[in-house]
Amino acid sequence: MFKNLRITCDEATMICDKSQYGASTLLNRLKLNIHFIGCKKCILYTKQNVKLTDLYKGYSHSCKGEKHTLSSEDKEALKKTFKLKS
């Protein structure tokens, strides 16, 4: 009965990644929590993954108002470089 609920560490990391973005199913999250009972490494991976996501979200909010583009001069120089190499 419980054999269907057992997953590998690779599957656990995939479910962890999906669950952070709301793309995992209830069954997958259940499998992940069962996997956590016997795997401390996957618990650590999940904690680190959540921390990195939170850091990125915090940083991305401060950057949304800024435009990160090349100047016209830089664009022209880049085009010339590509033309010379082709």
Protein backbone atom coordinates (compact mmCIF):
# COMPACT_ATOMS: atom_id res chain seq x y z
CA MET A 1 0.00 0.00 0.00
CA PHE A 2 2.73 2.47 0.94
CA LYS A 3 5.05 1.46 -1.89
CA ASN A 4 3.22 3.91 -4.16
CA LEU A 5 4.05 6.74 -1.75
CA ARG A 6 7.82 6.15 -1.73
CA ILE A 7 9.94 8.39 -3.93
CA THR A 8 13.64 8.87 -4.66
CA CYS A 9 15.63 11.95 -3.71
CA ASP A 10 15.58 13.10 -7.35
CA GLU A 11 11.79 12.94 -7.37
CA ALA A 12 11.70 14.73 -4.00
CA THR A 13 13.77 17.65 -5.28
CA MET A 14 11.57 17.93 -8.36
CA ILE A 15 8.42 18.00 -6.20
CA CYS A 16 10.06 20.53 -3.88
CA ASP A 17 10.79 22.83 -6.80
CA LYS A 18 7.28 22.47 -8.18
CA SER A 19 5.60 23.01 -4.82
CA GLN A 20 7.33 26.36 -4.35
CA TYR A 21 5.55 27.65 -7.43
CA GLY A 22 2.22 25.98 -6.74
CA ALA A 23 2.64 23.39 -9.50
CA SER A 24 2.64 20.24 -7.36
CA THR A 25 -0.37 18.11 -6.55
CA LEU A 26 -1.61 17.20 -3.10
CA LEU A 27 -0.46 13.61 -3.65
CA ASN A 28 3.04 14.78 -4.59
CA ARG A 29 3.28 16.96 -1.49
CA LEU A 30 2.16 13.99 0.61
CA LYS A 31 4.87 11.83 -0.98
CA LEU A 32 7.41 14.55 -0.28
CA ASN A 33 6.47 14.76 3.38
CA ILE A 34 6.67 10.99 3.73
CA HIS A 35 10.10 11.11 2.07
CA PHE A 36 11.20 13.71 4.64
CA ILE A 37 10.69 11.16 7.44
CA GLY A 38 13.72 9.20 6.30
CA CYS A 39 15.80 11.74 4.39
CA LYS A 40 17.41 14.64 6.20
CA LYS A 41 19.32 15.73 3.09
CA CYS A 42 16.11 16.49 1.23
CA ILE A 43 14.84 18.48 4.21
CA LEU A 44 18.02 20.56 4.06
CA TYR A 45 17.66 20.97 0.28
CA THR A 46 14.09 22.21 0.73
CA LYS A 47 15.06 24.70 3.43
CA GLN A 48 17.90 26.06 1.32
CA ASN A 49 15.69 26.23 -1.76
CA VAL A 50 13.02 28.18 0.12
CA LYS A 51 15.67 30.57 1.47
CA LEU A 52 17.10 31.20 -2.02
CA THR A 53 13.62 31.81 -3.43
CA ASP A 54 12.84 34.29 -0.66
CA LEU A 55 16.13 36.11 -1.24
CA TYR A 56 15.49 36.30 -4.97
CA LYS A 57 11.95 37.57 -4.49
CA GLY A 58 13.20 40.28 -2.14
CA TYR A 59 15.87 41.35 -4.60
CA SER A 60 13.57 41.26 -7.62
CA HIS A 61 11.09 43.64 -5.99
CA SER A 62 13.76 46.29 -5.62
CA CYS A 63 14.85 45.91 -9.27
CA LYS A 64 11.47 46.05 -10.97
CA GLY A 65 11.50 49.83 -11.35
CA GLU A 66 14.92 49.86 -13.01
CA LYS A 67 15.51 49.21 -16.67
CA HIS A 68 18.53 47.10 -17.50
CA THR A 69 19.25 47.76 -21.16
CA LEU A 70 22.24 48.63 -23.29
CA SER A 71 22.76 52.17 -24.44
CA SER A 72 22.42 52.90 -28.15
CA GLU A 73 26.19 53.23 -28.48
CA ASP A 74 26.74 49.85 -26.83
CA LYS A 75 24.16 48.24 -29.11
CA GLU A 76 25.88 49.60 -32.21
CA ALA A 77 29.29 48.44 -30.98
CA LEU A 78 27.86 44.97 -30.35
CA LYS A 79 26.34 44.85 -33.84
CA LYS A 80 29.71 45.81 -35.37
CA THR A 81 31.44 43.09 -33.38
CA PHE A 82 29.00 40.48 -34.65
CA LYS A 83 29.37 41.67 -38.24
CA LEU A 84 33.15 41.39 -38.02
CA LYS A 85 32.99 37.80 -36.72
CA SER A 86 30.54 36.52 -39.34
